[in-house]
Amino acid sequence: MLFDEIRTIAATHDEIVVPASWAQGRTVYGGLSAGLLCDAVSQGVDSNRRLRYLKVGFLRPLEAEKPFRIEMEEVSAGRTVVVRSAQIVQDGVARVAVQANFVTRLESHVEIETFRPPKLKSRDEAGAMHMRGPQLPAFTQFIDFHVTTDGLPFQGVDVSELGGWMRFETPPDAFTKSHLVCLIDVWPPAPVPSFDKMVPLSTVNWGIHFAEPLEGIRGDDFLGYLARTNFFKDGYGSSTADIWAPDGRLLARSYQTFVIYG
């Protein structure tokens, strides 16, 4: 079942069941659950407003092949900013929650642009790794992503960054913010190249600041991704990641806190 098929079910049914093909162990892939909640908070928002910020909290494991529902609330509606929240509820308790800020464009004579796309290796260069195989979580079969930074995951290489190129294995007809959210979370935390074997890991909190709109992004475009570790100690860490379009435009900046057991 493709991501867009699950999105359609979520938009038209009170209960949703995610198949095991989108799981990591028994738990639903976090990018999928966050993407569904991004859809939920976006429904009915005025077309002149733009999603600028999405905060995601993974509160409890969300089980695959088990029904859940989505609850949405409009927290506040100001002239410039609308705040909405949504949560996934399974077995009577919240599993994943988001808060989103939708803003109205303001006229301003000041524009500041500091982003320059990093010089990453191409997918075909020596040292790049196409991330696929039976040792990876089931959900990765739906995402075509390539690590092209120097340190590959779980290779025991002392580097503090991780990145490359990503897109859906089956391109969506239209690329939305929910697709972007779903893609971003496919990347493991930035410190994983320093580990010499696969170890359990988990995201604690995740925030996405959306920059440029997605006009011109096709479903089959490869997007750039580069995460840098802010700190990692005692099993807990933080990273910041940039995501950019093929033409070099910054699409989003992702902030993640995580735990790595090992």
Protein backbone atom coordinates (compact mmCIF):
# COMPACT_ATOMS: atom_id res chain seq x y z
CA MET A 1 0.00 0.00 0.00
CA LEU A 2 1.46 3.37 -1.06
CA PHE A 3 1.63 6.44 1.18
CA ASP A 4 -1.02 8.23 -0.90
CA GLU A 5 -3.39 5.28 -0.55
CA ILE A 6 -3.08 5.46 3.24
CA ARG A 7 -3.59 9.25 3.07
CA THR A 8 -6.84 8.69 1.17
CA ILE A 9 -8.08 6.23 3.79
CA ALA A 10 -7.18 8.66 6.59
CA ALA A 11 -9.12 11.45 4.85
CA THR A 12 -12.26 9.38 4.30
CA HIS A 13 -12.50 7.00 7.26
CA ASP A 14 -12.78 7.45 11.02
CA GLU A 15 -10.39 4.55 11.67
CA ILE A 16 -7.09 3.85 9.93
CA VAL A 17 -5.02 0.69 9.86
CA VAL A 18 -1.41 0.84 8.62
CA PRO A 19 -0.03 -2.41 7.16
CA ALA A 20 3.13 -4.04 8.49
CA SER A 21 4.94 -3.06 5.28
CA TRP A 22 5.13 0.49 6.73
CA ALA A 23 6.50 -0.64 10.09
CA GLN A 24 9.81 -0.62 11.90
CA GLY A 25 9.42 -3.78 13.93
CA ARG A 26 5.84 -3.55 15.23
CA THR A 27 5.84 0.27 15.27
CA VAL A 28 4.51 2.38 12.40
CA TYR A 29 7.19 4.43 10.62
CA GLY A 30 7.25 7.86 12.25
CA GLY A 31 7.42 9.75 8.97
CA LEU A 32 4.15 8.18 7.87
CA SER A 33 2.29 8.98 11.09
CA ALA A 34 3.65 12.55 11.08
CA GLY A 35 2.68 12.93 7.42
CA LEU A 36 -0.89 11.82 8.15
CA LEU A 37 -1.11 14.34 10.99
CA CYS A 38 0.28 17.04 8.69
CA ASP A 39 -2.61 16.30 6.33
CA ALA A 40 -5.09 16.44 9.21
CA VAL A 41 -4.05 19.87 10.47
CA SER A 42 -3.94 21.22 6.89
CA GLN A 43 -7.53 20.33 6.04
CA GLY A 44 -9.74 23.40 5.62
CA VAL A 45 -6.95 25.95 6.11
CA ASP A 46 -7.38 29.10 4.00
CA SER A 47 -5.42 28.89 0.76
CA ASN A 48 -3.67 32.18 1.52
CA ARG A 49 -1.99 30.65 4.58
CA ARG A 50 1.23 28.67 4.46
CA LEU A 51 2.48 25.96 6.81
CA ARG A 52 5.64 27.34 8.41
CA TYR A 53 6.27 25.12 11.43
CA LEU A 54 5.40 21.57 12.43
CA LYS A 55 6.33 20.14 15.82
CA VAL A 56 6.08 16.36 16.21
CA GLY A 57 6.09 14.39 19.44
CA PHE A 58 6.34 10.61 19.45
CA LEU A 59 4.59 9.88 22.73
CA ARG A 60 4.10 6.11 22.65
CA PRO A 61 4.63 3.34 20.08
CA LEU A 62 1.97 3.28 17.35
CA GLU A 63 1.31 -0.32 16.38
CA ALA A 64 0.91 -1.44 12.78
CA GLU A 65 -2.10 -3.54 11.70
CA LYS A 66 -4.16 -2.10 14.56
CA PRO A 67 -6.87 0.57 14.18
CA PHE A 68 -6.33 4.15 15.29
CA ARG A 69 -8.06 7.48 14.79
CA ILE A 70 -6.92 11.07 14.31
CA GLU A 71 -8.24 13.93 16.45
CA MET A 72 -7.73 17.56 15.37
CA GLU A 73 -8.17 20.86 17.22
CA GLU A 74 -7.82 24.50 16.20
CA VAL A 75 -5.92 25.98 19.12
CA SER A 76 -6.02 29.62 18.05
CA ALA A 77 -6.83 31.66 14.94
CA GLY A 78 -5.16 35.05 14.77
CA ARG A 79 -4.97 37.45 11.84
CA THR A 80 -1.43 36.35 10.98
CA VAL A 81 -0.99 32.92 12.60
CA VAL A 82 -3.36 29.96 12.94
CA VAL A 83 -2.28 27.24 15.39
CA ARG A 84 -3.67 23.73 15.02
CA SER A 85 -2.91 20.49 16.81
CA ALA A 86 -3.70 16.86 16.03
CA GLN A 87 -2.99 13.51 17.59
CA ILE A 88 -3.19 9.85 16.75
CA VAL A 89 -5.15 7.87 19.34
CA GLN A 90 -4.88 4.09 19.60
CA ASP A 91 -6.37 1.99 22.41
CA GLY A 92 -7.66 5.17 24.04
CA VAL A 93 -4.26 6.91 24.44
CA ALA A 94 -2.34 9.42 22.34
CA ARG A 95 0.56 7.91 20.38
CA VAL A 96 1.80 10.72 18.12
CA ALA A 97 0.97 14.44 18.34
CA VAL A 98 1.71 17.50 16.23
CA GLN A 99 1.33 21.25 16.52
CA ALA A 100 1.33 23.33 13.35
CA ASN A 101 1.58 27.05 12.61
CA PHE A 102 -0.03 28.41 9.45
CA VAL A 103 0.89 31.99 8.57
CA THR A 104 -0.34 34.73 6.29
CA ARG A 105 2.24 36.35 4.05
CA LEU A 106 3.20 39.87 5.12
CA GLU A 107 4.55 42.66 2.98
CA SER A 108 8.16 43.42 3.92
CA HIS A 109 11.05 45.21 2.23
CA VAL A 110 13.56 42.96 4.07
CA GLU A 111 14.50 39.51 2.76
CA ILE A 112 17.37 37.47 4.18
CA GLU A 113 18.62 34.31 2.49
CA THR A 114 21.67 32.57 3.97
CA PHE A 115 21.32 29.03 2.59
CA ARG A 116 23.72 27.60 0.02
CA PRO A 117 23.24 23.95 -0.97
CA PRO A 118 26.08 21.73 0.26
CA LYS A 119 28.33 20.01 -2.27
CA LEU A 120 27.22 16.41 -1.90
CA LYS A 121 28.47 13.54 -4.03
CA SER A 122 26.06 12.24 -6.65
CA ARG A 123 24.24 8.95 -6.21
CA ASP A 124 26.57 7.25 -8.70
CA GLU A 125 29.92 8.31 -7.23
CA ALA A 126 32.24 5.91 -5.44
CA GLY A 127 31.38 5.56 -1.77
CA ALA A 128 27.66 6.31 -2.18
CA MET A 129 25.27 3.72 -0.75
CA HIS A 130 21.79 2.93 -2.03
CA MET A 131 19.92 2.17 1.20
CA ARG A 132 17.97 -1.03 0.61
CA GLY A 133 18.05 -4.64 1.70
CA PRO A 134 16.47 -7.13 4.10
CA GLN A 135 18.47 -5.80 7.06
CA LEU A 136 16.63 -2.44 6.86
CA PRO A 137 13.18 -1.68 8.34
CA ALA A 138 10.22 -2.72 6.18
CA PHE A 139 9.09 0.83 5.37
CA THR A 140 12.34 1.68 3.55
CA GLN A 141 11.08 -0.32 0.55
CA PHE A 142 8.85 2.65 -0.30
CA ILE A 143 11.63 5.27 -0.27
CA ASP A 144 14.53 5.57 -2.69
CA PHE A 145 17.39 7.16 -0.73
CA HIS A 146 21.15 7.21 -1.11
CA VAL A 147 23.79 8.09 1.48
CA THR A 148 26.58 10.08 -0.17
CA THR A 149 28.37 11.62 2.83
CA ASP A 150 31.70 10.12 3.88
CA GLY A 151 30.45 8.18 6.87
CA LEU A 152 28.01 5.40 6.04
CA PRO A 153 25.55 4.24 8.74
CA PHE A 154 26.91 1.76 11.29
CA GLN A 155 30.38 1.58 9.73
CA GLY A 156 32.34 2.83 12.76
CA VAL A 157 33.48 6.03 11.03
CA ASP A 158 34.09 9.06 13.26
CA VAL A 159 32.00 11.71 11.48
CA SER A 160 29.24 14.00 12.73
CA GLU A 161 27.05 14.32 9.63
CA LEU A 162 24.83 12.16 7.43
CA GLY A 163 23.12 12.96 4.15
CA GLY A 164 22.44 12.30 0.51
CA TRP A 165 19.44 12.15 -1.83
CA MET A 166 15.85 10.96 -1.38
CA ARG A 167 12.53 10.46 -3.17
CA PHE A 168 9.62 8.01 -3.14
CA GLU A 169 10.15 4.68 -4.90
CA THR A 170 6.78 5.22 -6.60
CA PRO A 171 6.51 8.96 -7.34
CA PRO A 172 3.33 10.69 -6.13
CA ASP A 173 1.25 12.57 -8.68
CA ALA A 174 1.53 15.78 -6.63
CA PHE A 175 4.19 16.54 -4.03
CA THR A 176 2.91 18.09 -0.78
CA LYS A 177 4.24 19.08 2.63
CA SER A 178 2.99 15.72 3.92
CA HIS A 179 5.18 13.92 1.37
CA LEU A 180 8.15 16.02 2.47
CA VAL A 181 7.52 15.15 6.13
CA CYS A 182 7.28 11.46 5.28
CA LEU A 183 10.56 11.54 3.36
CA ILE A 184 12.64 13.44 5.92
CA ASP A 185 12.17 10.90 8.72
CA VAL A 186 13.64 8.05 6.65
CA TRP A 187 17.13 9.17 7.68
CA PRO A 188 18.53 7.71 10.91
CA PRO A 189 20.09 10.12 13.44
CA ALA A 190 23.27 11.83 12.25
CA PRO A 191 25.67 10.06 14.70
CA VAL A 192 24.93 6.54 13.39
CA PRO A 193 28.08 6.35 11.20
CA SER A 194 30.12 6.36 14.42
CA PHE A 195 28.54 3.07 15.54
CA ASP A 196 30.16 -0.12 14.24
CA LYS A 197 26.95 -2.20 14.31
CA MET A 198 23.20 -1.69 14.02
CA VAL A 199 21.69 -0.58 17.33
CA PRO A 200 18.17 0.45 18.44
CA LEU A 201 17.36 4.15 18.17
CA SER A 202 14.36 6.41 18.54
CA THR A 203 13.29 10.00 17.88
CA VAL A 204 12.08 11.88 20.95
CA ASN A 205 11.03 15.22 19.45
CA TRP A 206 11.10 16.59 15.94
CA GLY A 207 10.49 20.05 14.53
CA ILE A 208 10.37 21.19 10.90
CA HIS A 209 10.64 24.81 9.77
CA PHE A 210 9.36 25.09 6.19
CA ALA A 211 11.13 27.67 4.04
CA GLU A 212 10.25 27.93 0.34
CA PRO A 213 6.92 26.69 -1.07
CA LEU A 214 6.93 23.45 -3.04
CA GLU A 215 5.97 24.92 -6.42
CA GLY A 216 7.84 23.15 -9.20
CA ILE A 217 8.78 20.07 -7.15
CA ARG A 218 7.91 16.91 -9.10
CA GLY A 219 7.14 13.59 -7.48
CA ASP A 220 10.20 11.98 -9.09
CA ASP A 221 12.69 14.70 -8.05
CA PHE A 222 15.56 13.72 -5.80
CA LEU A 223 15.77 16.11 -2.83
CA GLY A 224 18.99 16.83 -0.98
CA TYR A 225 19.38 16.12 2.73
CA LEU A 226 22.24 16.84 5.11
CA ALA A 227 22.07 16.46 8.90
CA ARG A 228 24.78 17.65 11.28
CA THR A 229 25.08 16.52 14.90
CA ASN A 230 24.72 19.33 17.43
CA PHE A 231 25.75 17.11 20.35
CA PHE A 232 25.63 13.47 21.40
CA LYS A 233 26.43 12.19 24.88
CA ASP A 234 25.16 9.51 27.26
CA GLY A 235 22.98 8.06 24.49
CA TYR A 236 21.08 11.29 23.77
CA GLY A 237 21.68 13.76 20.97
CA SER A 238 20.43 16.58 18.79
CA SER A 239 20.87 17.35 15.10
CA THR A 240 19.92 19.95 12.51
CA ALA A 241 19.22 19.01 8.88
CA ASP A 242 18.74 20.99 5.68
CA ILE A 243 16.48 19.76 2.88
CA TRP A 244 16.69 21.39 -0.54
CA ALA A 245 15.20 21.21 -4.02
CA PRO A 246 17.05 20.20 -7.21
CA ASP A 247 17.47 23.90 -8.06
CA GLY A 248 19.15 24.57 -4.69
CA ARG A 249 16.22 26.19 -2.89
CA LEU A 250 16.00 25.48 0.83
CA LEU A 251 12.68 23.69 1.40
CA ALA A 252 12.91 22.98 5.11
CA ARG A 253 15.15 22.80 8.14
CA SER A 254 14.64 19.86 10.50
CA TYR A 255 15.51 19.78 14.22
CA GLN A 256 15.61 16.40 15.93
CA THR A 257 16.33 15.07 19.41
CA PHE A 258 16.93 11.33 19.67
CA VAL A 259 18.19 8.44 21.75
CA ILE A 260 20.55 5.74 20.51
CA TYR A 261 20.90 2.57 22.57
CA GLY A 262 24.40 1.20 22.15
